[in-house]
Amino acid sequence: MLPCGDHAVLLDCETLDEAQGWFAALHDDTEAVLGARTVLLRGNPSALRALVQHTEPQDAAATGTGDEIEISVVYDGSDLSDVATITGLSEDEVVAAHTGTSWTVAFGGFAPGFVYLVGGDERLAVPRRDSPRASVPAGSVGLAGEFSGIYPRSSPGGWQLIGRTDAVMFDVDRDPPALLAPGARVRFEALRQAQEPS
């Protein structure tokens, strides 16, 4: 547990699973922000230290909350064939693996509405592209490392793109603006018909 200014502490964790477990155990009692291997807790540092000392982290496997949110995807991404080659799967098997399990939002970052999804099929763990793209279209669905994610807006990016969705990931006129929050569960659904890019 590290000091972070006058009104926060940072839990520095060994793994993402550990960070998820602490976030799940603490976010109802204090303002918490989950990172890849950290949890930022905002409040009185002395009170936060006492809270952490009297709390046990939850099992990361049980941190998914609420109903599953279904996101429809057209799997025609420009890196789909490369992902198939890297994983040793056919393109159809890549799609089946991506849609075959429920993903959990681990944390957000990079851009408003961009979330890092974990818990998918382990066979889909692929490296980022050697050369990032200068512009990735909004709605692009990608893979990088153990994560899957959806680009909320057009931006540079180096993830392996496997499909696209019309789901609006971030809308300032919506409450809350972000479609997905840490702990939410996501299920991808393959669309058969063509879909115009967002």
N, C-alpha and C. Protein backbone atom coordinates (compact mmCIF):
# COMPACT_ATOMS: atom_id res chain seq x y z
N MET A 1 0.85 -1.18 0.00
CA MET A 1 0.00 0.00 0.00
C MET A 1 0.90 1.24 0.00
N LEU A 2 0.72 2.09 -1.03
CA LEU A 2 1.59 3.24 -1.21
C LEU A 2 0.80 4.53 -1.08
N PRO A 3 1.39 5.57 -0.49
CA PRO A 3 0.69 6.86 -0.45
C PRO A 3 0.56 7.41 -1.86
N CYS A 4 -0.53 8.12 -2.09
CA CYS A 4 -0.78 8.73 -3.40
C CYS A 4 -1.39 10.11 -3.15
N GLY A 5 -0.53 11.10 -2.96
CA GLY A 5 -1.01 12.41 -2.59
C GLY A 5 -1.52 12.42 -1.16
N ASP A 6 -2.32 13.43 -0.84
CA ASP A 6 -2.83 13.58 0.53
C ASP A 6 -4.16 12.88 0.76
N HIS A 7 -4.82 12.44 -0.30
CA HIS A 7 -6.18 11.94 -0.16
C HIS A 7 -6.41 10.62 -0.89
N ALA A 8 -5.37 9.79 -0.99
CA ALA A 8 -5.53 8.50 -1.66
C ALA A 8 -4.37 7.58 -1.31
N VAL A 9 -4.60 6.29 -1.51
CA VAL A 9 -3.53 5.29 -1.42
C VAL A 9 -3.65 4.38 -2.64
N LEU A 10 -2.53 3.76 -2.98
CA LEU A 10 -2.47 2.87 -4.12
C LEU A 10 -2.10 1.48 -3.66
N LEU A 11 -2.94 0.51 -3.97
CA LEU A 11 -2.60 -0.88 -3.70
C LEU A 11 -1.83 -1.40 -4.90
N ASP A 12 -0.59 -1.77 -4.69
CA ASP A 12 0.27 -2.29 -5.74
C ASP A 12 0.23 -3.81 -5.66
N CYS A 13 -0.38 -4.44 -6.66
CA CYS A 13 -0.65 -5.87 -6.61
C CYS A 13 0.32 -6.64 -7.51
N GLU A 14 0.42 -7.93 -7.27
CA GLU A 14 1.31 -8.78 -8.06
C GLU A 14 0.70 -9.12 -9.41
N THR A 15 -0.63 -9.28 -9.47
CA THR A 15 -1.29 -9.74 -10.68
C THR A 15 -2.60 -8.99 -10.89
N LEU A 16 -3.13 -9.10 -12.10
CA LEU A 16 -4.45 -8.54 -12.39
C LEU A 16 -5.51 -9.20 -11.53
N ASP A 17 -5.43 -10.51 -11.35
CA ASP A 17 -6.42 -11.22 -10.52
C ASP A 17 -6.45 -10.66 -9.10
N GLU A 18 -5.28 -10.40 -8.55
CA GLU A 18 -5.21 -9.85 -7.19
C GLU A 18 -5.85 -8.46 -7.15
N ALA A 19 -5.54 -7.63 -8.16
CA ALA A 19 -6.12 -6.29 -8.20
C ALA A 19 -7.64 -6.36 -8.33
N GLN A 20 -8.14 -7.27 -9.17
CA GLN A 20 -9.59 -7.42 -9.32
C GLN A 20 -10.23 -7.84 -8.01
N GLY A 21 -9.57 -8.74 -7.29
CA GLY A 21 -10.10 -9.20 -6.02
C GLY A 21 -10.22 -8.09 -4.99
N TRP A 22 -9.19 -7.24 -4.91
CA TRP A 22 -9.22 -6.11 -3.99
C TRP A 22 -10.28 -5.09 -4.41
N PHE A 23 -10.36 -4.81 -5.71
CA PHE A 23 -11.37 -3.86 -6.20
C PHE A 23 -12.77 -4.34 -5.85
N ALA A 24 -13.04 -5.62 -6.10
CA ALA A 24 -14.37 -6.17 -5.82
C ALA A 24 -14.70 -6.07 -4.33
N ALA A 25 -13.69 -6.26 -3.48
CA ALA A 25 -13.93 -6.23 -2.04
C ALA A 25 -14.10 -4.82 -1.49
N LEU A 26 -13.52 -3.82 -2.17
CA LEU A 26 -13.45 -2.48 -1.59
C LEU A 26 -14.32 -1.42 -2.27
N HIS A 27 -14.73 -1.64 -3.52
CA HIS A 27 -15.35 -0.53 -4.26
C HIS A 27 -16.72 -0.11 -3.72
N ASP A 28 -17.39 -0.98 -2.94
CA ASP A 28 -18.66 -0.58 -2.34
C ASP A 28 -18.46 0.33 -1.13
N ASP A 29 -17.27 0.30 -0.53
CA ASP A 29 -17.01 1.05 0.69
C ASP A 29 -16.24 2.35 0.49
N THR A 30 -15.62 2.50 -0.67
CA THR A 30 -14.84 3.71 -0.94
C THR A 30 -14.69 3.89 -2.44
N GLU A 31 -14.32 5.08 -2.85
CA GLU A 31 -14.08 5.33 -4.28
C GLU A 31 -12.83 4.58 -4.70
N ALA A 32 -12.97 3.73 -5.70
CA ALA A 32 -11.86 2.88 -6.13
C ALA A 32 -11.75 2.90 -7.64
N VAL A 33 -10.51 2.89 -8.13
CA VAL A 33 -10.24 2.84 -9.56
C VAL A 33 -9.30 1.67 -9.81
N LEU A 34 -9.74 0.74 -10.66
CA LEU A 34 -8.97 -0.47 -10.93
C LEU A 34 -8.04 -0.26 -12.11
N GLY A 35 -6.80 -0.69 -11.97
CA GLY A 35 -5.82 -0.70 -13.05
C GLY A 35 -5.40 -2.12 -13.35
N ALA A 36 -4.40 -2.28 -14.20
CA ALA A 36 -3.96 -3.62 -14.59
C ALA A 36 -3.43 -4.41 -13.40
N ARG A 37 -2.68 -3.74 -12.52
CA ARG A 37 -2.15 -4.40 -11.32
C ARG A 37 -2.18 -3.48 -10.11
N THR A 38 -3.09 -2.52 -10.14
CA THR A 38 -3.21 -1.56 -9.04
C THR A 38 -4.67 -1.27 -8.75
N VAL A 39 -4.92 -0.79 -7.54
CA VAL A 39 -6.23 -0.26 -7.16
C VAL A 39 -5.98 1.06 -6.44
N LEU A 40 -6.51 2.15 -6.99
CA LEU A 40 -6.40 3.46 -6.36
C LEU A 40 -7.61 3.68 -5.48
N LEU A 41 -7.38 3.97 -4.21
CA LEU A 41 -8.46 4.21 -3.25
C LEU A 41 -8.41 5.67 -2.83
N ARG A 42 -9.54 6.37 -2.94
CA ARG A 42 -9.57 7.79 -2.60
C ARG A 42 -10.29 7.99 -1.27
N GLY A 43 -9.68 8.82 -0.43
CA GLY A 43 -10.26 9.11 0.87
C GLY A 43 -9.16 9.43 1.87
N ASN A 44 -9.50 9.38 3.14
CA ASN A 44 -8.53 9.62 4.20
C ASN A 44 -7.55 8.43 4.26
N PRO A 45 -6.26 8.67 4.05
CA PRO A 45 -5.31 7.56 4.01
C PRO A 45 -5.33 6.66 5.24
N SER A 46 -5.46 7.25 6.44
CA SER A 46 -5.49 6.42 7.66
C SER A 46 -6.71 5.52 7.67
N ALA A 47 -7.87 6.07 7.29
CA ALA A 47 -9.10 5.27 7.24
C ALA A 47 -9.00 4.19 6.17
N LEU A 48 -8.37 4.53 5.05
CA LEU A 48 -8.23 3.54 3.97
C LEU A 48 -7.31 2.41 4.38
N ARG A 49 -6.23 2.73 5.08
CA ARG A 49 -5.32 1.67 5.55
C ARG A 49 -6.05 0.72 6.50
N ALA A 50 -6.86 1.28 7.40
CA ALA A 50 -7.63 0.45 8.33
C ALA A 50 -8.64 -0.41 7.58
N LEU A 51 -9.28 0.17 6.56
CA LEU A 51 -10.26 -0.58 5.77
C LEU A 51 -9.60 -1.76 5.09
N VAL A 52 -8.44 -1.54 4.47
CA VAL A 52 -7.74 -2.61 3.77
C VAL A 52 -7.29 -3.69 4.74
N GLN A 53 -6.81 -3.28 5.91
CA GLN A 53 -6.33 -4.26 6.89
C GLN A 53 -7.45 -5.16 7.40
N HIS A 54 -8.69 -4.68 7.36
CA HIS A 54 -9.81 -5.47 7.86
C HIS A 54 -10.66 -6.06 6.72
N THR A 55 -10.09 -6.11 5.52
CA THR A 55 -10.82 -6.63 4.37
C THR A 55 -10.03 -7.76 3.73
N GLU A 56 -10.74 -8.75 3.26
CA GLU A 56 -10.12 -9.84 2.50
C GLU A 56 -10.48 -9.67 1.03
N PRO A 57 -9.51 -9.79 0.11
CA PRO A 57 -9.86 -9.68 -1.31
C PRO A 57 -10.78 -10.82 -1.72
N GLN A 58 -11.64 -10.55 -2.68
CA GLN A 58 -12.53 -11.58 -3.20
C GLN A 58 -11.79 -12.43 -4.22
N ASP A 59 -12.39 -13.57 -4.55
CA ASP A 59 -11.86 -14.42 -5.60
C ASP A 59 -12.08 -13.71 -6.93
N ALA A 60 -11.01 -13.48 -7.68
CA ALA A 60 -11.13 -12.75 -8.94
C ALA A 60 -12.08 -13.45 -9.91
N ALA A 61 -12.17 -14.77 -9.83
CA ALA A 61 -13.05 -15.51 -10.75
C ALA A 61 -14.51 -15.20 -10.49
N ALA A 62 -14.83 -14.64 -9.33
CA ALA A 62 -16.22 -14.37 -8.98
C ALA A 62 -16.54 -12.88 -8.98
N THR A 63 -15.68 -12.08 -9.64
CA THR A 63 -15.87 -10.64 -9.58
C THR A 63 -16.84 -10.11 -10.62
N GLY A 64 -17.22 -10.90 -11.61
CA GLY A 64 -18.20 -10.45 -12.60
C GLY A 64 -19.54 -10.19 -11.94
N THR A 65 -20.18 -9.08 -12.29
CA THR A 65 -21.43 -8.71 -11.64
C THR A 65 -22.50 -8.41 -12.67
N GLY A 66 -23.74 -8.57 -12.25
CA GLY A 66 -24.87 -8.17 -13.08
C GLY A 66 -25.14 -9.10 -14.25
N ASP A 67 -26.13 -8.72 -15.05
CA ASP A 67 -26.49 -9.50 -16.22
C ASP A 67 -25.41 -9.37 -17.29
N GLU A 68 -25.34 -10.37 -18.15
CA GLU A 68 -24.42 -10.28 -19.27
C GLU A 68 -24.93 -9.25 -20.28
N ILE A 69 -24.02 -8.46 -20.78
CA ILE A 69 -24.34 -7.51 -21.84
C ILE A 69 -23.91 -8.14 -23.15
N GLU A 70 -24.86 -8.28 -24.07
CA GLU A 70 -24.54 -8.87 -25.36
C GLU A 70 -24.10 -7.79 -26.34
N ILE A 71 -23.02 -8.05 -27.03
CA ILE A 71 -22.52 -7.13 -28.04
C ILE A 71 -22.39 -7.90 -29.35
N SER A 72 -23.12 -7.43 -30.36
CA SER A 72 -23.11 -8.08 -31.67
C SER A 72 -21.91 -7.61 -32.48
N VAL A 73 -21.24 -8.56 -33.13
CA VAL A 73 -20.01 -8.27 -33.86
C VAL A 73 -20.06 -8.92 -35.24
N VAL A 74 -19.65 -8.18 -36.25
CA VAL A 74 -19.37 -8.76 -37.57
C VAL A 74 -17.89 -9.11 -37.56
N TYR A 75 -17.58 -10.38 -37.70
CA TYR A 75 -16.19 -10.83 -37.62
C TYR A 75 -15.55 -10.82 -39.00
N ASP A 76 -15.13 -9.63 -39.41
CA ASP A 76 -14.46 -9.47 -40.70
C ASP A 76 -13.24 -8.57 -40.55
N GLY A 77 -12.63 -8.59 -39.37
CA GLY A 77 -11.50 -7.71 -39.09
C GLY A 77 -10.29 -8.00 -39.96
N SER A 78 -9.51 -6.97 -40.20
CA SER A 78 -8.36 -7.10 -41.10
C SER A 78 -7.26 -8.00 -40.55
N ASP A 79 -7.28 -8.30 -39.24
CA ASP A 79 -6.25 -9.18 -38.66
C ASP A 79 -6.80 -10.56 -38.31
N LEU A 80 -8.02 -10.86 -38.73
CA LEU A 80 -8.63 -12.15 -38.36
C LEU A 80 -7.79 -13.32 -38.88
N SER A 81 -7.33 -13.22 -40.12
CA SER A 81 -6.54 -14.33 -40.67
C SER A 81 -5.20 -14.45 -39.95
N ASP A 82 -4.60 -13.31 -39.55
CA ASP A 82 -3.33 -13.35 -38.82
C ASP A 82 -3.53 -13.98 -37.44
N VAL A 83 -4.64 -13.64 -36.78
CA VAL A 83 -4.93 -14.25 -35.47
C VAL A 83 -5.11 -15.76 -35.62
N ALA A 84 -5.77 -16.17 -36.70
CA ALA A 84 -5.94 -17.61 -36.95
C ALA A 84 -4.58 -18.29 -37.11
N THR A 85 -3.69 -17.65 -37.85
CA THR A 85 -2.35 -18.23 -38.06
C THR A 85 -1.58 -18.30 -36.75
N ILE A 86 -1.61 -17.22 -35.97
CA ILE A 86 -0.86 -17.17 -34.71
C ILE A 86 -1.36 -18.23 -33.73
N THR A 87 -2.67 -18.40 -33.66
CA THR A 87 -3.25 -19.32 -32.68
C THR A 87 -3.33 -20.76 -33.16
N GLY A 88 -3.18 -20.97 -34.48
CA GLY A 88 -3.32 -22.31 -35.03
C GLY A 88 -4.77 -22.73 -35.20
N LEU A 89 -5.69 -21.77 -35.08
CA LEU A 89 -7.11 -22.03 -35.25
C LEU A 89 -7.55 -21.58 -36.65
N SER A 90 -8.67 -22.09 -37.10
CA SER A 90 -9.27 -21.54 -38.32
C SER A 90 -9.95 -20.22 -37.96
N GLU A 91 -10.31 -19.42 -38.97
CA GLU A 91 -11.00 -18.17 -38.69
C GLU A 91 -12.32 -18.43 -37.98
N ASP A 92 -13.05 -19.46 -38.40
CA ASP A 92 -14.31 -19.80 -37.73
C ASP A 92 -14.07 -20.21 -36.28
N GLU A 93 -12.97 -20.89 -36.02
CA GLU A 93 -12.66 -21.30 -34.64
C GLU A 93 -12.28 -20.10 -33.79
N VAL A 94 -11.62 -19.10 -34.38
CA VAL A 94 -11.32 -17.87 -33.65
C VAL A 94 -12.62 -17.19 -33.23
N VAL A 95 -13.56 -17.10 -34.16
CA VAL A 95 -14.87 -16.50 -33.86
C VAL A 95 -15.58 -17.30 -32.78
N ALA A 96 -15.57 -18.61 -32.91
CA ALA A 96 -16.23 -19.47 -31.91
C ALA A 96 -15.60 -19.30 -30.54
N ALA A 97 -14.28 -19.15 -30.49
CA ALA A 97 -13.60 -18.97 -29.21
C ALA A 97 -13.94 -17.61 -28.60
N HIS A 98 -14.04 -16.58 -29.44
CA HIS A 98 -14.33 -15.23 -28.93
C HIS A 98 -15.76 -15.13 -28.43
N THR A 99 -16.68 -15.82 -29.06
CA THR A 99 -18.10 -15.77 -28.67
C THR A 99 -18.47 -16.86 -27.67
N GLY A 100 -17.58 -17.82 -27.47
CA GLY A 100 -17.93 -19.00 -26.69
C GLY A 100 -17.84 -18.87 -25.19
N THR A 101 -17.24 -17.78 -24.72
CA THR A 101 -17.12 -17.59 -23.27
C THR A 101 -17.56 -16.18 -22.90
N SER A 102 -17.91 -16.01 -21.64
CA SER A 102 -18.26 -14.70 -21.11
C SER A 102 -16.98 -13.99 -20.70
N TRP A 103 -16.84 -12.74 -21.11
CA TRP A 103 -15.71 -11.91 -20.75
C TRP A 103 -16.10 -11.01 -19.58
N THR A 104 -15.12 -10.55 -18.81
CA THR A 104 -15.37 -9.63 -17.70
C THR A 104 -14.55 -8.36 -17.89
N VAL A 105 -15.19 -7.21 -17.63
CA VAL A 105 -14.46 -5.95 -17.71
C VAL A 105 -13.51 -5.88 -16.52
N ALA A 106 -12.21 -5.85 -16.81
CA ALA A 106 -11.22 -5.76 -15.75
C ALA A 106 -11.02 -4.31 -15.32
N PHE A 107 -10.75 -3.43 -16.29
CA PHE A 107 -10.51 -2.03 -15.98
C PHE A 107 -10.63 -1.22 -17.26
N GLY A 108 -10.72 0.10 -17.10
CA GLY A 108 -10.80 0.98 -18.26
C GLY A 108 -9.51 1.76 -18.42
N GLY A 109 -9.32 2.31 -19.61
CA GLY A 109 -8.14 3.11 -19.84
C GLY A 109 -7.99 3.44 -21.31
N PHE A 110 -6.91 4.13 -21.64
CA PHE A 110 -6.55 4.47 -23.01
C PHE A 110 -7.43 5.58 -23.59
N ALA A 111 -8.75 5.41 -23.54
CA ALA A 111 -9.69 6.42 -24.04
C ALA A 111 -11.00 6.25 -23.29
N PRO A 112 -11.81 7.31 -23.15
CA PRO A 112 -13.11 7.16 -22.48
C PRO A 112 -13.95 6.08 -23.16
N GLY A 113 -14.40 5.11 -22.36
CA GLY A 113 -15.21 4.02 -22.88
C GLY A 113 -14.44 2.80 -23.31
N PHE A 114 -13.10 2.89 -23.36
CA PHE A 114 -12.30 1.71 -23.71
C PHE A 114 -12.08 0.88 -22.46
N VAL A 115 -12.45 -0.40 -22.53
CA VAL A 115 -12.25 -1.29 -21.38
C VAL A 115 -11.45 -2.52 -21.80
N TYR A 116 -10.74 -3.06 -20.84
CA TYR A 116 -9.94 -4.26 -21.04
C TYR A 116 -10.75 -5.45 -20.52
N LEU A 117 -11.10 -6.34 -21.43
CA LEU A 117 -11.91 -7.51 -21.10
C LEU A 117 -11.01 -8.72 -20.89
N VAL A 118 -11.29 -9.48 -19.82
CA VAL A 118 -10.50 -10.67 -19.50
C VAL A 118 -11.43 -11.87 -19.32
N GLY A 119 -10.81 -13.05 -19.22
CA GLY A 119 -11.58 -14.26 -18.94
C GLY A 119 -12.02 -15.01 -20.17
N GLY A 120 -11.55 -14.59 -21.34
CA GLY A 120 -11.93 -15.28 -22.57
C GLY A 120 -11.13 -16.56 -22.76
N ASP A 121 -11.32 -17.17 -23.91
CA ASP A 121 -10.61 -18.40 -24.26
C ASP A 121 -9.10 -18.13 -24.29
N GLU A 122 -8.35 -18.93 -23.54
CA GLU A 122 -6.90 -18.71 -23.43
C GLU A 122 -6.18 -18.84 -24.76
N ARG A 123 -6.79 -19.54 -25.71
CA ARG A 123 -6.14 -19.71 -27.02
C ARG A 123 -6.08 -18.41 -27.80
N LEU A 124 -6.84 -17.40 -27.38
CA LEU A 124 -6.89 -16.13 -28.10
C LEU A 124 -5.85 -15.13 -27.61
N ALA A 125 -4.96 -15.52 -26.72
CA ALA A 125 -3.90 -14.63 -26.25
C ALA A 125 -2.89 -14.45 -27.38
N VAL A 126 -2.88 -13.26 -27.98
CA VAL A 126 -2.00 -12.98 -29.11
C VAL A 126 -1.26 -11.67 -28.86
N PRO A 127 -0.08 -11.51 -29.44
CA PRO A 127 0.66 -10.25 -29.24
C PRO A 127 0.02 -9.11 -30.00
N ARG A 128 0.33 -7.90 -29.60
CA ARG A 128 -0.06 -6.72 -30.37
C ARG A 128 0.63 -6.77 -31.74
N ARG A 129 0.12 -5.98 -32.65
CA ARG A 129 0.75 -5.87 -33.96
C ARG A 129 2.17 -5.31 -33.83
N ASP A 130 3.07 -5.73 -34.71
CA ASP A 130 4.43 -5.20 -34.70
C ASP A 130 4.43 -3.71 -35.02
N SER A 131 3.51 -3.30 -35.89
CA SER A 131 3.42 -1.91 -36.29
C SER A 131 2.01 -1.40 -36.05
N PRO A 132 1.81 -0.49 -35.07
CA PRO A 132 0.47 0.02 -34.80
C PRO A 132 -0.10 0.78 -36.00
N ARG A 133 -1.42 0.81 -36.09
CA ARG A 133 -2.09 1.58 -37.13
C ARG A 133 -2.22 3.04 -36.68
N ALA A 134 -2.14 3.94 -37.65
CA ALA A 134 -2.32 5.36 -37.34
C ALA A 134 -3.76 5.67 -36.99
N SER A 135 -4.70 4.87 -37.52
CA SER A 135 -6.12 5.11 -37.25
C SER A 135 -6.90 3.80 -37.28
N VAL A 136 -7.54 3.50 -36.17
CA VAL A 136 -8.41 2.33 -36.05
C VAL A 136 -9.85 2.84 -35.98
N PRO A 137 -10.76 2.32 -36.81
CA PRO A 137 -12.14 2.84 -36.81
C PRO A 137 -12.86 2.58 -35.49
N ALA A 138 -13.74 3.49 -35.12
CA ALA A 138 -14.59 3.29 -33.93
C ALA A 138 -15.38 2.01 -34.10
N GLY A 139 -15.55 1.26 -33.01
CA GLY A 139 -16.31 0.02 -33.05
C GLY A 139 -15.48 -1.20 -33.38
N SER A 140 -14.19 -1.00 -33.67
CA SER A 140 -13.33 -2.15 -33.98
C SER A 140 -13.14 -3.02 -32.74
N VAL A 141 -13.24 -4.32 -32.92
CA VAL A 141 -13.07 -5.29 -31.84
C VAL A 141 -11.71 -5.95 -32.01
N GLY A 142 -10.91 -5.93 -30.95
CA GLY A 142 -9.56 -6.44 -31.09
C GLY A 142 -9.11 -7.32 -29.95
N LEU A 143 -7.92 -7.89 -30.16
CA LEU A 143 -7.26 -8.75 -29.17
C LEU A 143 -5.83 -8.27 -28.99
N ALA A 144 -5.34 -8.35 -27.75
CA ALA A 144 -3.94 -8.04 -27.45
C ALA A 144 -3.59 -8.70 -26.12
N GLY A 145 -2.61 -9.56 -26.14
CA GLY A 145 -2.27 -10.29 -24.92
C GLY A 145 -3.46 -11.12 -24.46
N GLU A 146 -3.76 -11.04 -23.16
CA GLU A 146 -4.91 -11.77 -22.62
C GLU A 146 -6.22 -11.03 -22.78
N PHE A 147 -6.18 -9.83 -23.35
CA PHE A 147 -7.34 -8.94 -23.37
C PHE A 147 -8.07 -8.92 -24.72
N SER A 148 -9.36 -8.59 -24.63
CA SER A 148 -10.13 -8.17 -25.79
C SER A 148 -10.65 -6.78 -25.48
N GLY A 149 -10.96 -6.01 -26.53
CA GLY A 149 -11.45 -4.66 -26.31
C GLY A 149 -12.13 -4.12 -27.55
N ILE A 150 -12.85 -3.01 -27.36
CA ILE A 150 -13.58 -2.36 -28.44
C ILE A 150 -13.16 -0.89 -28.46
N TYR A 151 -12.69 -0.43 -29.61
CA TYR A 151 -12.30 0.97 -29.74
C TYR A 151 -13.55 1.86 -29.71
N PRO A 152 -13.66 2.77 -28.75
CA PRO A 152 -14.86 3.61 -28.64
C PRO A 152 -14.91 4.73 -29.67
N ARG A 153 -13.76 5.08 -30.22
CA ARG A 153 -13.70 6.14 -31.23
C ARG A 153 -12.49 5.86 -32.11
N SER A 154 -12.44 6.53 -33.23
CA SER A 154 -11.30 6.37 -34.12
C SER A 154 -10.04 6.89 -33.43
N SER A 155 -8.99 6.07 -33.43
CA SER A 155 -7.76 6.44 -32.75
C SER A 155 -6.63 5.54 -33.23
N PRO A 156 -5.38 5.92 -32.96
CA PRO A 156 -4.28 5.00 -33.24
C PRO A 156 -4.41 3.75 -32.38
N GLY A 157 -3.85 2.65 -32.83
CA GLY A 157 -3.93 1.44 -32.02
C GLY A 157 -3.15 0.29 -32.61
N GLY A 158 -2.72 -0.61 -31.73
CA GLY A 158 -1.91 -1.73 -32.17
C GLY A 158 -2.50 -3.10 -31.89
N TRP A 159 -3.81 -3.14 -31.58
CA TRP A 159 -4.42 -4.43 -31.30
C TRP A 159 -4.72 -5.17 -32.59
N GLN A 160 -4.84 -6.49 -32.49
CA GLN A 160 -5.20 -7.33 -33.63
C GLN A 160 -6.72 -7.23 -33.82
N LEU A 161 -7.15 -6.69 -34.96
CA LEU A 161 -8.57 -6.43 -35.21
C LEU A 161 -9.24 -7.65 -35.82
N ILE A 162 -10.29 -8.14 -35.12
CA ILE A 162 -10.98 -9.34 -35.60
C ILE A 162 -12.42 -9.06 -36.04
N GLY A 163 -12.96 -7.88 -35.73
CA GLY A 163 -14.33 -7.59 -36.12
C GLY A 163 -14.72 -6.16 -35.80
N ARG A 164 -16.02 -5.88 -35.91
CA ARG A 164 -16.54 -4.53 -35.66
C ARG A 164 -17.96 -4.63 -35.13
N THR A 165 -18.33 -3.62 -34.36
CA THR A 165 -19.66 -3.57 -33.76
C THR A 165 -20.24 -2.17 -33.88
N ASP A 166 -21.56 -2.09 -33.84
CA ASP A 166 -22.25 -0.79 -33.81
C ASP A 166 -22.50 -0.31 -32.38
N ALA A 167 -22.14 -1.12 -31.38
CA ALA A 167 -22.37 -0.73 -29.99
C ALA A 167 -21.64 0.58 -29.69
N VAL A 168 -22.34 1.52 -29.05
CA VAL A 168 -21.74 2.81 -28.68
C VAL A 168 -21.12 2.65 -27.30
N MET A 169 -19.80 2.68 -27.25
CA MET A 169 -19.09 2.41 -26.01
C MET A 169 -19.09 3.60 -25.05
N PHE A 170 -19.19 4.82 -25.60
CA PHE A 170 -19.15 6.01 -24.75
C PHE A 170 -20.02 7.09 -25.36
N ASP A 171 -20.94 7.62 -24.54
CA ASP A 171 -21.87 8.66 -24.99
C ASP A 171 -22.07 9.63 -23.84
N VAL A 172 -21.62 10.88 -24.01
CA VAL A 172 -21.71 11.85 -22.92
C VAL A 172 -23.16 12.16 -22.54
N ASP A 173 -24.10 11.87 -23.43
CA ASP A 173 -25.52 12.14 -23.13
C ASP A 173 -26.21 10.95 -22.46
N ARG A 174 -25.45 9.88 -22.19
CA ARG A 174 -26.01 8.69 -21.55
C ARG A 174 -25.57 8.68 -20.09
N ASP A 175 -26.38 8.08 -19.22
CA ASP A 175 -26.05 7.98 -17.80
C ASP A 175 -26.05 6.51 -17.38
N PRO A 176 -24.88 5.92 -17.10
CA PRO A 176 -23.55 6.53 -17.19
C PRO A 176 -23.06 6.58 -18.64
N PRO A 177 -22.10 7.45 -18.93
CA PRO A 177 -21.64 7.58 -20.32
C PRO A 177 -21.01 6.32 -20.90
N ALA A 178 -20.26 5.57 -20.07
CA ALA A 178 -19.59 4.36 -20.54
C ALA A 178 -20.58 3.19 -20.53
N LEU A 179 -20.59 2.44 -21.63
CA LEU A 179 -21.48 1.27 -21.73
C LEU A 179 -21.07 0.18 -20.74
N LEU A 180 -19.76 0.04 -20.53
CA LEU A 180 -19.24 -1.05 -19.70
C LEU A 180 -18.41 -0.50 -18.54
N ALA A 181 -18.63 -1.05 -17.35
CA ALA A 181 -17.89 -0.66 -16.15
C ALA A 181 -17.16 -1.87 -15.59
N PRO A 182 -16.10 -1.66 -14.80
CA PRO A 182 -15.39 -2.79 -14.19
C PRO A 182 -16.35 -3.74 -13.48
N GLY A 183 -16.15 -5.03 -13.74
CA GLY A 183 -17.00 -6.06 -13.15
C GLY A 183 -18.12 -6.51 -14.06
N ALA A 184 -18.47 -5.70 -15.06
CA ALA A 184 -19.55 -6.10 -15.99
C ALA A 184 -19.12 -7.31 -16.80
N ARG A 185 -20.10 -8.14 -17.12
CA ARG A 185 -19.84 -9.33 -17.95
C ARG A 185 -20.34 -9.08 -19.36
N VAL A 186 -19.57 -9.55 -20.34
CA VAL A 186 -19.87 -9.30 -21.74
C VAL A 186 -19.88 -10.62 -22.50
N ARG A 187 -20.87 -10.77 -23.36
CA ARG A 187 -20.93 -11.93 -24.27
C ARG A 187 -21.00 -11.39 -25.69
N PHE A 188 -20.06 -11.82 -26.52
CA PHE A 188 -20.06 -11.41 -27.92
C PHE A 188 -20.92 -12.36 -28.74
N GLU A 189 -21.67 -11.78 -29.68
CA GLU A 189 -22.54 -12.56 -30.56
C GLU A 189 -22.14 -12.27 -31.99
N ALA A 190 -21.95 -13.33 -32.79
CA ALA A 190 -21.54 -13.16 -34.18
C ALA A 190 -22.74 -12.84 -35.05
N LEU A 191 -22.65 -11.73 -35.79
CA LEU A 191 -23.66 -11.39 -36.78
C LEU A 191 -23.28 -12.03 -38.10
N ARG A 192 -24.25 -12.59 -38.78
CA ARG A 192 -23.98 -13.24 -40.06
C ARG A 192 -24.02 -12.26 -41.21
N GLN A 193 -24.95 -11.29 -41.13
CA GLN A 193 -25.09 -10.35 -42.24
C GLN A 193 -24.06 -9.24 -42.15
N ALA A 194 -23.83 -8.58 -43.26
CA ALA A 194 -22.88 -7.48 -43.29
C ALA A 194 -23.41 -6.32 -42.47
N GLN A 195 -22.51 -5.54 -41.94
CA GLN A 195 -22.85 -4.39 -41.10
C GLN A 195 -21.95 -3.25 -41.51
N GLU A 196 -22.52 -2.08 -41.74
CA GLU A 196 -21.71 -0.93 -42.11
C GLU A 196 -20.88 -0.49 -40.91
N PRO A 197 -19.63 -0.13 -41.13
CA PRO A 197 -18.81 0.34 -40.01
C PRO A 197 -19.41 1.57 -39.35
N SER A 198 -19.19 1.70 -38.04
CA SER A 198 -19.68 2.87 -37.30
C SER A 198 -18.96 4.11 -37.75
